[in-house]
Amino acid sequence: QFEVVASGGGSVRAGGSLRLSCTASGLTLGRVDVGWFRRAPGKEREGVSCINSDGSTYYDDSVKGRFSISRDNAKNIVYLQMDGLTPEDTARYYCAADHGRPSAQVMCEETARLGLRHSGGWGQGTQVTVSS
């Protein structure tokens, strides 16, 4: 059984930046598909950004040009750099891992809509709060 943990959240003013980290135990993140998801109160879970095992990436339209996903294989970490934050980005952010997804977009969209395909759970996530 593996575990992924999201960290790095915080409270910032609009226009600020944060970098989230997704770390894993029992899993090599560079060999699987990894995604960042968020859920705000009263809203459905969204797939924010995903990176496939082949390195291809996907971004939801709401974050394109502002967020950047990357992977440090040596440290076994997947980052989500978030710039130009707005109050609409306020949510609890989670990272998730899977394998065999045909694309990063499928990883993001189907995982957000259907949930995880394994029993690992979403973990506690990390809160991002952006004030105006």
N, C-alpha and C. Protein backbone atom coordinates (compact mmCIF):
# COMPACT_ATOMS: atom_id res chain seq x y z
N GLN A 1 0.85 -1.19 0.00
CA GLN A 1 0.00 0.00 0.00
C GLN A 1 0.89 1.24 0.00
N PHE A 2 0.50 2.24 -0.75
CA PHE A 2 1.29 3.46 -0.81
C PHE A 2 0.49 4.60 -0.21
N GLU A 3 1.18 5.70 0.01
CA GLU A 3 0.53 6.89 0.55
C GLU A 3 1.11 8.12 -0.12
N VAL A 4 0.24 9.05 -0.49
CA VAL A 4 0.69 10.33 -1.00
C VAL A 4 0.18 11.41 -0.05
N VAL A 5 1.01 12.43 0.14
CA VAL A 5 0.68 13.49 1.08
C VAL A 5 0.89 14.84 0.42
N ALA A 6 -0.13 15.68 0.52
CA ALA A 6 -0.04 17.03 -0.01
C ALA A 6 0.33 18.00 1.11
N SER A 7 1.20 18.94 0.79
CA SER A 7 1.60 19.94 1.78
C SER A 7 1.94 21.25 1.08
N GLY A 8 2.12 22.29 1.87
CA GLY A 8 2.56 23.57 1.32
C GLY A 8 1.48 24.63 1.23
N GLY A 9 0.28 24.31 1.64
CA GLY A 9 -0.79 25.30 1.59
C GLY A 9 -0.58 26.42 2.58
N GLY A 10 -1.45 27.40 2.52
CA GLY A 10 -1.36 28.53 3.42
C GLY A 10 -2.35 29.60 3.05
N SER A 11 -2.19 30.75 3.67
CA SER A 11 -3.06 31.90 3.40
C SER A 11 -2.24 33.00 2.75
N VAL A 12 -2.74 33.49 1.62
CA VAL A 12 -2.04 34.53 0.88
C VAL A 12 -3.05 35.57 0.39
N ARG A 13 -2.55 36.72 0.02
CA ARG A 13 -3.40 37.74 -0.59
C ARG A 13 -3.51 37.46 -2.08
N ALA A 14 -4.53 37.97 -2.67
CA ALA A 14 -4.72 37.83 -4.12
C ALA A 14 -3.48 38.33 -4.86
N GLY A 15 -3.09 37.58 -5.86
CA GLY A 15 -1.88 37.89 -6.60
C GLY A 15 -0.64 37.19 -6.08
N GLY A 16 -0.76 36.57 -4.92
CA GLY A 16 0.38 35.90 -4.32
C GLY A 16 0.64 34.53 -4.91
N SER A 17 1.64 33.86 -4.36
CA SER A 17 2.06 32.55 -4.87
C SER A 17 2.22 31.56 -3.73
N LEU A 18 2.04 30.31 -4.08
CA LEU A 18 2.32 29.20 -3.18
C LEU A 18 2.85 28.04 -4.01
N ARG A 19 3.63 27.20 -3.39
CA ARG A 19 4.08 25.97 -4.06
C ARG A 19 3.66 24.78 -3.20
N LEU A 20 2.84 23.96 -3.77
CA LEU A 20 2.40 22.74 -3.09
C LEU A 20 3.34 21.59 -3.44
N SER A 21 3.50 20.69 -2.49
CA SER A 21 4.34 19.51 -2.70
C SER A 21 3.52 18.25 -2.47
N CYS A 22 3.73 17.27 -3.33
CA CYS A 22 3.11 15.96 -3.18
C CYS A 22 4.24 14.96 -2.97
N THR A 23 4.30 14.37 -1.80
CA THR A 23 5.31 13.38 -1.50
C THR A 23 4.66 12.02 -1.36
N ALA A 24 5.47 10.98 -1.50
CA ALA A 24 4.90 9.63 -1.48
C ALA A 24 5.79 8.67 -0.72
N SER A 25 5.15 7.70 -0.14
CA SER A 25 5.88 6.58 0.46
C SER A 25 5.36 5.30 -0.18
N GLY A 26 6.29 4.42 -0.49
CA GLY A 26 5.90 3.18 -1.13
C GLY A 26 5.55 3.33 -2.59
N LEU A 27 5.95 4.42 -3.19
CA LEU A 27 5.57 4.69 -4.58
C LEU A 27 6.61 5.62 -5.19
N THR A 28 6.99 5.32 -6.44
CA THR A 28 7.89 6.21 -7.18
C THR A 28 7.05 7.09 -8.07
N LEU A 29 6.95 8.36 -7.72
CA LEU A 29 6.05 9.27 -8.43
C LEU A 29 6.42 9.45 -9.89
N GLY A 30 7.69 9.29 -10.21
CA GLY A 30 8.11 9.47 -11.60
C GLY A 30 7.62 8.37 -12.52
N ARG A 31 7.09 7.31 -11.95
CA ARG A 31 6.66 6.17 -12.76
C ARG A 31 5.14 6.07 -12.86
N VAL A 32 4.45 7.00 -12.27
CA VAL A 32 2.99 6.93 -12.26
C VAL A 32 2.40 8.26 -12.70
N ASP A 33 1.08 8.27 -12.80
CA ASP A 33 0.36 9.50 -13.12
C ASP A 33 0.00 10.19 -11.81
N VAL A 34 0.24 11.48 -11.76
CA VAL A 34 -0.01 12.23 -10.52
C VAL A 34 -0.87 13.45 -10.83
N GLY A 35 -1.79 13.72 -9.97
CA GLY A 35 -2.64 14.87 -10.20
C GLY A 35 -2.87 15.69 -8.94
N TRP A 36 -3.19 16.95 -9.17
CA TRP A 36 -3.61 17.85 -8.10
C TRP A 36 -5.09 18.14 -8.29
N PHE A 37 -5.82 18.01 -7.20
CA PHE A 37 -7.27 18.20 -7.22
C PHE A 37 -7.62 19.16 -6.09
N ARG A 38 -8.76 19.81 -6.23
CA ARG A 38 -9.18 20.71 -5.17
C ARG A 38 -10.67 20.62 -4.98
N ARG A 39 -11.06 20.95 -3.76
CA ARG A 39 -12.49 20.97 -3.44
C ARG A 39 -12.76 22.13 -2.52
N ALA A 40 -13.64 23.00 -2.98
CA ALA A 40 -14.07 24.14 -2.17
C ALA A 40 -15.42 23.80 -1.54
N PRO A 41 -15.73 24.38 -0.42
CA PRO A 41 -17.02 24.11 0.24
C PRO A 41 -18.18 24.37 -0.70
N GLY A 42 -19.07 23.39 -0.80
CA GLY A 42 -20.25 23.54 -1.64
C GLY A 42 -20.00 23.31 -3.11
N LYS A 43 -18.78 22.98 -3.47
CA LYS A 43 -18.47 22.75 -4.88
C LYS A 43 -17.97 21.34 -5.10
N GLU A 44 -18.03 20.90 -6.34
CA GLU A 44 -17.55 19.57 -6.67
C GLU A 44 -16.02 19.58 -6.77
N ARG A 45 -15.46 18.41 -6.64
CA ARG A 45 -14.01 18.26 -6.79
C ARG A 45 -13.59 18.60 -8.20
N GLU A 46 -12.50 19.30 -8.35
CA GLU A 46 -11.96 19.68 -9.65
C GLU A 46 -10.57 19.08 -9.84
N GLY A 47 -10.29 18.69 -11.06
CA GLY A 47 -8.94 18.30 -11.42
C GLY A 47 -8.19 19.53 -11.85
N VAL A 48 -7.24 19.96 -11.08
CA VAL A 48 -6.53 21.22 -11.34
C VAL A 48 -5.42 21.01 -12.37
N SER A 49 -4.56 20.07 -12.12
CA SER A 49 -3.44 19.81 -13.02
C SER A 49 -2.94 18.40 -12.80
N CYS A 50 -2.54 17.76 -13.87
CA CYS A 50 -2.05 16.40 -13.79
C CYS A 50 -0.81 16.22 -14.65
N ILE A 51 0.01 15.27 -14.28
CA ILE A 51 1.19 14.94 -15.07
C ILE A 51 1.22 13.43 -15.23
N ASN A 52 1.37 13.00 -16.47
CA ASN A 52 1.38 11.59 -16.78
C ASN A 52 2.76 11.00 -16.54
N SER A 53 2.85 9.68 -16.53
CA SER A 53 4.14 9.03 -16.33
C SER A 53 5.12 9.37 -17.45
N ASP A 54 4.60 9.74 -18.62
CA ASP A 54 5.50 10.11 -19.72
C ASP A 54 5.86 11.59 -19.70
N GLY A 55 5.37 12.32 -18.70
CA GLY A 55 5.72 13.73 -18.55
C GLY A 55 4.75 14.71 -19.16
N SER A 56 3.75 14.21 -19.86
CA SER A 56 2.76 15.12 -20.43
C SER A 56 1.91 15.72 -19.33
N THR A 57 1.45 16.93 -19.54
CA THR A 57 0.73 17.65 -18.50
C THR A 57 -0.63 18.13 -18.99
N TYR A 58 -1.47 18.44 -18.03
CA TYR A 58 -2.80 18.97 -18.31
C TYR A 58 -3.11 20.01 -17.25
N TYR A 59 -3.79 21.07 -17.69
CA TYR A 59 -4.24 22.11 -16.76
C TYR A 59 -5.70 22.41 -17.02
N ASP A 60 -6.43 22.57 -15.95
CA ASP A 60 -7.80 23.03 -16.10
C ASP A 60 -7.75 24.46 -16.65
N ASP A 61 -8.75 24.84 -17.42
CA ASP A 61 -8.77 26.17 -18.02
C ASP A 61 -8.66 27.28 -16.98
N SER A 62 -9.19 27.03 -15.80
CA SER A 62 -9.21 28.07 -14.77
C SER A 62 -7.82 28.40 -14.22
N VAL A 63 -6.85 27.53 -14.47
CA VAL A 63 -5.50 27.75 -13.91
C VAL A 63 -4.42 27.87 -14.97
N LYS A 64 -4.80 27.71 -16.23
CA LYS A 64 -3.80 27.80 -17.30
C LYS A 64 -3.10 29.14 -17.28
N GLY A 65 -1.79 29.09 -17.41
CA GLY A 65 -1.01 30.31 -17.41
C GLY A 65 -0.63 30.81 -16.03
N ARG A 66 -1.24 30.21 -15.00
CA ARG A 66 -0.94 30.63 -13.62
C ARG A 66 -0.30 29.53 -12.79
N PHE A 67 -0.70 28.31 -13.03
CA PHE A 67 -0.19 27.16 -12.27
C PHE A 67 0.76 26.36 -13.15
N SER A 68 1.72 25.70 -12.49
CA SER A 68 2.66 24.86 -13.22
C SER A 68 2.96 23.61 -12.41
N ILE A 69 2.80 22.46 -13.04
CA ILE A 69 3.08 21.19 -12.37
C ILE A 69 4.45 20.69 -12.82
N SER A 70 5.20 20.14 -11.89
CA SER A 70 6.52 19.61 -12.23
C SER A 70 6.85 18.45 -11.31
N ARG A 71 7.86 17.72 -11.70
CA ARG A 71 8.21 16.52 -10.95
C ARG A 71 9.72 16.52 -10.72
N ASP A 72 10.14 16.28 -9.50
CA ASP A 72 11.55 16.11 -9.16
C ASP A 72 11.74 14.64 -8.82
N ASN A 73 12.22 13.89 -9.78
CA ASN A 73 12.34 12.45 -9.58
C ASN A 73 13.37 12.09 -8.51
N ALA A 74 14.41 12.90 -8.39
CA ALA A 74 15.44 12.61 -7.40
C ALA A 74 14.89 12.71 -5.98
N LYS A 75 13.95 13.64 -5.79
CA LYS A 75 13.37 13.83 -4.46
C LYS A 75 12.03 13.10 -4.31
N ASN A 76 11.54 12.53 -5.39
CA ASN A 76 10.25 11.84 -5.38
C ASN A 76 9.12 12.78 -4.94
N ILE A 77 9.10 13.94 -5.56
CA ILE A 77 8.11 14.96 -5.23
C ILE A 77 7.49 15.49 -6.53
N VAL A 78 6.21 15.77 -6.48
CA VAL A 78 5.53 16.48 -7.56
C VAL A 78 5.07 17.82 -6.99
N TYR A 79 5.42 18.88 -7.68
CA TYR A 79 5.09 20.22 -7.21
C TYR A 79 3.93 20.81 -8.00
N LEU A 80 3.24 21.72 -7.36
CA LEU A 80 2.28 22.56 -8.07
C LEU A 80 2.62 24.00 -7.69
N GLN A 81 3.24 24.71 -8.62
CA GLN A 81 3.55 26.12 -8.41
C GLN A 81 2.32 26.92 -8.79
N MET A 82 1.85 27.73 -7.86
CA MET A 82 0.63 28.49 -8.07
C MET A 82 0.97 29.98 -7.97
N ASP A 83 0.84 30.67 -9.08
CA ASP A 83 1.09 32.10 -9.13
C ASP A 83 -0.20 32.83 -9.49
N GLY A 84 -0.24 34.11 -9.22
CA GLY A 84 -1.43 34.88 -9.56
C GLY A 84 -2.68 34.36 -8.90
N LEU A 85 -2.57 33.95 -7.64
CA LEU A 85 -3.71 33.35 -6.96
C LEU A 85 -4.86 34.35 -6.80
N THR A 86 -6.06 33.83 -6.90
CA THR A 86 -7.27 34.63 -6.73
C THR A 86 -8.14 33.97 -5.66
N PRO A 87 -9.09 34.71 -5.10
CA PRO A 87 -9.98 34.11 -4.09
C PRO A 87 -10.70 32.87 -4.61
N GLU A 88 -10.90 32.78 -5.91
CA GLU A 88 -11.57 31.60 -6.48
C GLU A 88 -10.71 30.34 -6.39
N ASP A 89 -9.43 30.51 -6.10
CA ASP A 89 -8.55 29.34 -5.92
C ASP A 89 -8.62 28.79 -4.51
N THR A 90 -9.34 29.45 -3.63
CA THR A 90 -9.47 28.98 -2.25
C THR A 90 -10.15 27.62 -2.23
N ALA A 91 -9.49 26.64 -1.64
CA ALA A 91 -10.01 25.27 -1.59
C ALA A 91 -9.03 24.41 -0.81
N ARG A 92 -9.43 23.19 -0.56
CA ARG A 92 -8.51 22.20 -0.01
C ARG A 92 -7.94 21.44 -1.21
N TYR A 93 -6.65 21.36 -1.28
CA TYR A 93 -5.97 20.73 -2.40
C TYR A 93 -5.45 19.36 -1.99
N TYR A 94 -5.61 18.41 -2.90
CA TYR A 94 -5.19 17.04 -2.68
C TYR A 94 -4.33 16.58 -3.85
N CYS A 95 -3.40 15.71 -3.57
CA CYS A 95 -2.71 15.05 -4.68
C CYS A 95 -3.12 13.57 -4.68
N ALA A 96 -3.06 13.00 -5.84
CA ALA A 96 -3.45 11.60 -6.01
C ALA A 96 -2.57 10.97 -7.08
N ALA A 97 -2.37 9.69 -6.95
CA ALA A 97 -1.55 8.95 -7.91
C ALA A 97 -2.35 7.80 -8.49
N ASP A 98 -2.05 7.48 -9.72
CA ASP A 98 -2.69 6.37 -10.40
C ASP A 98 -1.71 5.88 -11.46
N HIS A 99 -2.06 4.86 -12.19
CA HIS A 99 -1.20 4.42 -13.28
C HIS A 99 -2.06 3.91 -14.41
N GLY A 100 -1.49 4.00 -15.59
CA GLY A 100 -2.18 3.46 -16.75
C GLY A 100 -3.20 4.37 -17.38
N ARG A 101 -3.26 5.61 -16.92
CA ARG A 101 -4.17 6.56 -17.55
C ARG A 101 -3.65 6.90 -18.95
N PRO A 102 -4.51 6.97 -19.94
CA PRO A 102 -4.03 7.23 -21.30
C PRO A 102 -3.50 8.64 -21.52
N SER A 103 -3.89 9.57 -20.66
CA SER A 103 -3.41 10.95 -20.79
C SER A 103 -3.54 11.66 -19.46
N ALA A 104 -2.83 12.77 -19.34
CA ALA A 104 -2.93 13.57 -18.12
C ALA A 104 -4.34 14.16 -18.00
N GLN A 105 -4.95 14.50 -19.12
CA GLN A 105 -6.30 15.05 -19.08
C GLN A 105 -7.28 14.02 -18.54
N VAL A 106 -7.14 12.78 -18.98
CA VAL A 106 -8.02 11.73 -18.46
C VAL A 106 -7.79 11.53 -16.97
N MET A 107 -6.54 11.56 -16.56
CA MET A 107 -6.21 11.44 -15.14
C MET A 107 -6.97 12.48 -14.34
N CYS A 108 -6.91 13.72 -14.79
CA CYS A 108 -7.56 14.81 -14.07
C CYS A 108 -9.08 14.70 -14.12
N GLU A 109 -9.62 14.54 -15.32
CA GLU A 109 -11.08 14.61 -15.47
C GLU A 109 -11.78 13.40 -14.88
N GLU A 110 -11.27 12.22 -15.13
CA GLU A 110 -11.96 11.04 -14.64
C GLU A 110 -11.75 10.84 -13.15
N THR A 111 -10.58 11.15 -12.64
CA THR A 111 -10.37 11.03 -11.20
C THR A 111 -11.23 12.04 -10.45
N ALA A 112 -11.35 13.25 -10.97
CA ALA A 112 -12.19 14.25 -10.32
C ALA A 112 -13.65 13.81 -10.33
N ARG A 113 -14.08 13.24 -11.44
CA ARG A 113 -15.49 12.87 -11.59
C ARG A 113 -15.83 11.56 -10.92
N LEU A 114 -14.95 10.56 -11.03
CA LEU A 114 -15.27 9.21 -10.58
C LEU A 114 -14.57 8.81 -9.29
N GLY A 115 -13.57 9.58 -8.89
CA GLY A 115 -12.85 9.24 -7.68
C GLY A 115 -11.65 8.36 -7.95
N LEU A 116 -10.99 7.94 -6.89
CA LEU A 116 -9.79 7.14 -7.01
C LEU A 116 -10.13 5.71 -7.43
N ARG A 117 -9.24 5.10 -8.16
CA ARG A 117 -9.43 3.71 -8.59
C ARG A 117 -8.77 2.73 -7.64
N HIS A 118 -8.18 3.26 -6.57
CA HIS A 118 -7.55 2.38 -5.59
C HIS A 118 -8.07 2.78 -4.21
N SER A 119 -7.68 1.99 -3.23
CA SER A 119 -8.25 2.20 -1.89
C SER A 119 -7.40 3.12 -1.04
N GLY A 120 -6.43 3.79 -1.63
CA GLY A 120 -5.52 4.61 -0.85
C GLY A 120 -6.14 5.82 -0.18
N GLY A 121 -7.25 6.32 -0.70
CA GLY A 121 -7.88 7.48 -0.09
C GLY A 121 -7.23 8.77 -0.54
N TRP A 122 -7.90 9.89 -0.22
CA TRP A 122 -7.42 11.19 -0.66
C TRP A 122 -6.45 11.83 0.32
N GLY A 123 -6.36 11.32 1.51
CA GLY A 123 -5.51 11.97 2.50
C GLY A 123 -6.16 13.24 3.02
N GLN A 124 -5.44 13.98 3.83
CA GLN A 124 -6.00 15.16 4.45
C GLN A 124 -5.96 16.38 3.56
N GLY A 125 -5.10 16.37 2.57
CA GLY A 125 -4.99 17.54 1.71
C GLY A 125 -4.32 18.70 2.42
N THR A 126 -4.26 19.83 1.73
CA THR A 126 -3.66 21.03 2.29
C THR A 126 -4.52 22.23 1.90
N GLN A 127 -4.80 23.08 2.87
CA GLN A 127 -5.73 24.19 2.64
C GLN A 127 -5.01 25.37 2.01
N VAL A 128 -5.63 25.92 0.98
CA VAL A 128 -5.17 27.15 0.34
C VAL A 128 -6.27 28.19 0.49
N THR A 129 -5.93 29.31 1.10
CA THR A 129 -6.90 30.38 1.29
C THR A 129 -6.33 31.66 0.70
N VAL A 130 -7.08 32.24 -0.21
CA VAL A 130 -6.65 33.47 -0.88
C VAL A 130 -7.64 34.58 -0.54
N SER A 131 -7.14 35.64 0.04
CA SER A 131 -7.99 36.76 0.42
C SER A 131 -7.84 37.88 -0.61
N SER A 132 -8.91 38.64 -0.72
CA SER A 132 -8.89 39.75 -1.71
C SER A 132 -8.31 41.02 -1.12
